[in-house]
């Protein structure tokens, strides 16, 4: 597992995974290059590598003195590597890092129609705490 810490690598990662998300990242973010810079400057990103190729990644924000929780903003695995524990390995590394900095709450937002993601998060002890829109759930996990 590699940590992504430069903007160009992050940008290439976002391009590669753009359409894995629905809606795509380019539809949700104003510009992928700007989003890559934001992630590198403010988030922690780990990439799963198989046969010298990135097959998945997770990006999350760690809390600070104003925000006492971590927030998972992106988790994706390319379709051909889904169901092979790659998402779980990325998630486990994320939780390990969050625990290292002594944060006890993790939050995320997920689309209601993303049944597999909701199932994954529930399996990992996340609870739906509210509906944020017609399309999304806000989920939380206590560590």
Protein backbone atom coordinates (compact mmCIF):
# COMPACT_ATOMS: atom_id res chain seq x y z
CA UNK A 1 0.00 0.00 0.00
CA UNK A 2 1.43 3.38 -1.02
CA UNK A 3 0.62 6.84 0.27
CA UNK A 4 -0.04 9.38 -2.49
CA UNK A 5 1.56 12.72 -1.71
CA UNK A 6 2.10 14.56 -4.99
CA UNK A 7 -0.47 16.40 -7.08
CA UNK A 8 0.42 14.87 -10.47
CA UNK A 9 0.11 11.30 -9.19
CA UNK A 10 -3.17 12.16 -7.46
CA UNK A 11 -4.47 13.82 -10.64
CA UNK A 12 -3.66 10.71 -12.70
CA UNK A 13 -5.39 8.58 -10.07
CA UNK A 14 -8.54 10.73 -10.23
CA UNK A 15 -8.57 10.52 -14.03
CA UNK A 16 -8.15 6.73 -13.92
CA UNK A 17 -10.97 6.28 -11.40
CA UNK A 18 -13.24 9.08 -12.67
CA UNK A 19 -15.96 6.83 -14.06
CA UNK A 20 -15.75 4.23 -11.28
CA UNK A 21 -17.81 6.73 -9.28
CA UNK A 22 -21.43 7.51 -10.06
CA UNK A 23 -21.80 10.36 -10.67
CA UNK A 24 -18.26 10.61 -11.98
CA UNK A 25 -15.69 12.64 -10.08
CA UNK A 26 -15.48 15.12 -12.95
CA UNK A 27 -19.23 15.72 -12.61
CA UNK A 28 -19.00 16.29 -8.84
CA UNK A 29 -15.73 18.22 -8.59
CA UNK A 30 -15.19 21.57 -10.29
CA UNK A 31 -11.87 20.46 -11.74
CA UNK A 32 -9.95 17.25 -11.17
CA UNK A 33 -6.59 19.05 -11.04
CA UNK A 34 -7.86 21.39 -8.30
CA UNK A 35 -9.44 18.46 -6.48
CA UNK A 36 -6.14 16.54 -6.67
CA UNK A 37 -4.37 19.52 -5.11
CA UNK A 38 -6.99 19.76 -2.35
CA UNK A 39 -6.62 16.06 -1.54
CA UNK A 40 -2.82 16.16 -1.47
CA UNK A 41 -2.81 19.26 0.75
CA UNK A 42 -5.61 18.27 3.15
CA UNK A 43 -6.26 14.53 3.04
CA UNK A 44 -4.43 11.23 3.42
CA UNK A 45 -4.62 8.91 0.41
CA UNK A 46 -3.52 5.29 0.21
CA UNK A 47 -3.39 3.32 -3.03
CA UNK A 48 -3.60 -0.46 -3.39
CA UNK A 49 -1.08 -1.76 -5.92
CA UNK A 50 -1.26 -5.09 -7.74
CA UNK A 51 1.23 -6.04 -10.47
CA UNK A 52 2.63 -2.48 -10.52
CA UNK A 53 -0.81 -0.97 -11.15
CA UNK A 54 -3.11 0.99 -8.86
CA UNK A 55 -6.27 -1.06 -8.38
CA UNK A 56 -7.90 1.01 -5.67
CA UNK A 57 -7.51 3.95 -3.33
CA UNK A 58 -8.97 5.63 -0.27
CA UNK A 59 -8.81 9.33 0.63
CA UNK A 60 -9.81 10.68 4.01
CA UNK A 61 -9.53 13.84 6.06
CA UNK A 62 -8.27 13.69 9.61
CA UNK A 63 -9.95 15.87 12.21
CA UNK A 64 -8.34 18.80 13.94
CA UNK A 65 -9.08 20.82 17.06
CA UNK A 66 -12.30 22.12 15.43
CA UNK A 67 -13.35 18.81 13.88
CA UNK A 68 -13.06 15.80 16.18
CA UNK A 69 -13.80 13.21 13.50
CA UNK A 70 -12.25 11.78 10.35
CA UNK A 71 -14.12 11.88 7.05
CA UNK A 72 -13.72 9.32 4.27
CA UNK A 73 -14.21 11.23 1.04
CA UNK A 74 -13.30 8.59 -1.58
CA UNK A 75 -12.99 4.81 -1.68
CA UNK A 76 -12.81 2.99 -4.99
CA UNK A 77 -11.55 -0.24 -6.50
CA UNK A 78 -11.48 -0.94 -10.23
CA UNK A 79 -14.26 -3.38 -11.18
CA UNK A 80 -11.96 -6.28 -12.09
CA UNK A 81 -10.42 -6.18 -8.58
CA UNK A 82 -13.64 -5.79 -6.62
CA UNK A 83 -14.61 -8.65 -4.34
CA UNK A 84 -10.97 -9.50 -3.61
CA UNK A 85 -10.60 -7.73 -0.24
CA UNK A 86 -8.88 -4.68 -1.76
CA UNK A 87 -11.46 -2.24 -0.38
CA UNK A 88 -11.20 -3.92 3.02
CA UNK A 89 -7.41 -3.61 3.03
CA UNK A 90 -7.63 0.08 2.12
CA UNK A 91 -10.33 0.66 4.72
CA UNK A 92 -8.33 -1.16 7.42
CA UNK A 93 -5.25 0.98 6.70
CA UNK A 94 -7.41 4.11 6.89
CA UNK A 95 -8.83 3.10 10.28
CA UNK A 96 -5.33 2.25 11.53
CA UNK A 97 -4.13 5.77 10.62
CA UNK A 98 -7.20 7.37 12.22
CA UNK A 99 -6.58 5.45 15.43
CA UNK A 100 -2.91 6.52 15.40
CA UNK A 101 -3.99 10.16 15.69
CA UNK A 102 -6.50 9.28 18.42
CA UNK A 103 -9.69 10.15 16.56
CA UNK A 104 -12.71 8.13 17.69
CA UNK A 105 -15.33 8.92 15.03
CA UNK A 106 -15.32 8.32 11.27
CA UNK A 107 -17.97 9.73 8.96
CA UNK A 108 -18.81 9.53 5.27
CA UNK A 109 -21.55 10.20 2.78
CA UNK A 110 -22.78 7.56 0.35
CA UNK A 111 -25.38 7.48 -2.40
CA UNK A 112 -28.54 5.60 -1.46
CA UNK A 113 -28.42 3.58 -4.69
CA UNK A 114 -24.85 2.37 -3.97
CA UNK A 115 -26.09 -0.79 -2.28
CA UNK A 116 -22.72 -2.56 -2.31
CA UNK A 117 -20.98 0.39 -0.63
CA UNK A 118 -23.70 0.69 2.01
CA UNK A 119 -23.42 -3.04 2.69
CA UNK A 120 -19.62 -2.76 2.96
CA UNK A 121 -19.84 0.12 5.42
CA UNK A 122 -22.52 -1.57 7.52
CA UNK A 123 -20.35 -4.71 7.64
CA UNK A 124 -17.64 -2.42 9.04
CA UNK A 125 -19.96 -1.11 11.78
CA UNK A 126 -21.07 2.16 10.19
CA UNK A 127 -24.59 3.32 11.01
CA UNK A 128 -26.80 5.56 8.92
CA UNK A 129 -27.30 8.69 10.99
CA UNK A 130 -29.27 10.83 8.54
CA UNK A 131 -30.44 11.36 5.00
CA UNK A 132 -28.57 14.35 3.62
CA UNK A 133 -30.60 14.64 0.43
CA UNK A 134 -32.94 12.64 -1.74
CA UNK A 135 -29.93 10.66 -2.93
CA UNK A 136 -27.49 10.32 -0.02
CA UNK A 137 -27.02 8.84 3.44
CA UNK A 138 -24.61 10.19 6.05
CA UNK A 139 -22.95 7.33 7.93
CA UNK A 140 -20.86 7.20 11.08
CA UNK A 141 -18.65 4.70 12.91
CA UNK A 142 -17.35 4.94 16.46
CA UNK A 143 -13.87 3.50 16.99
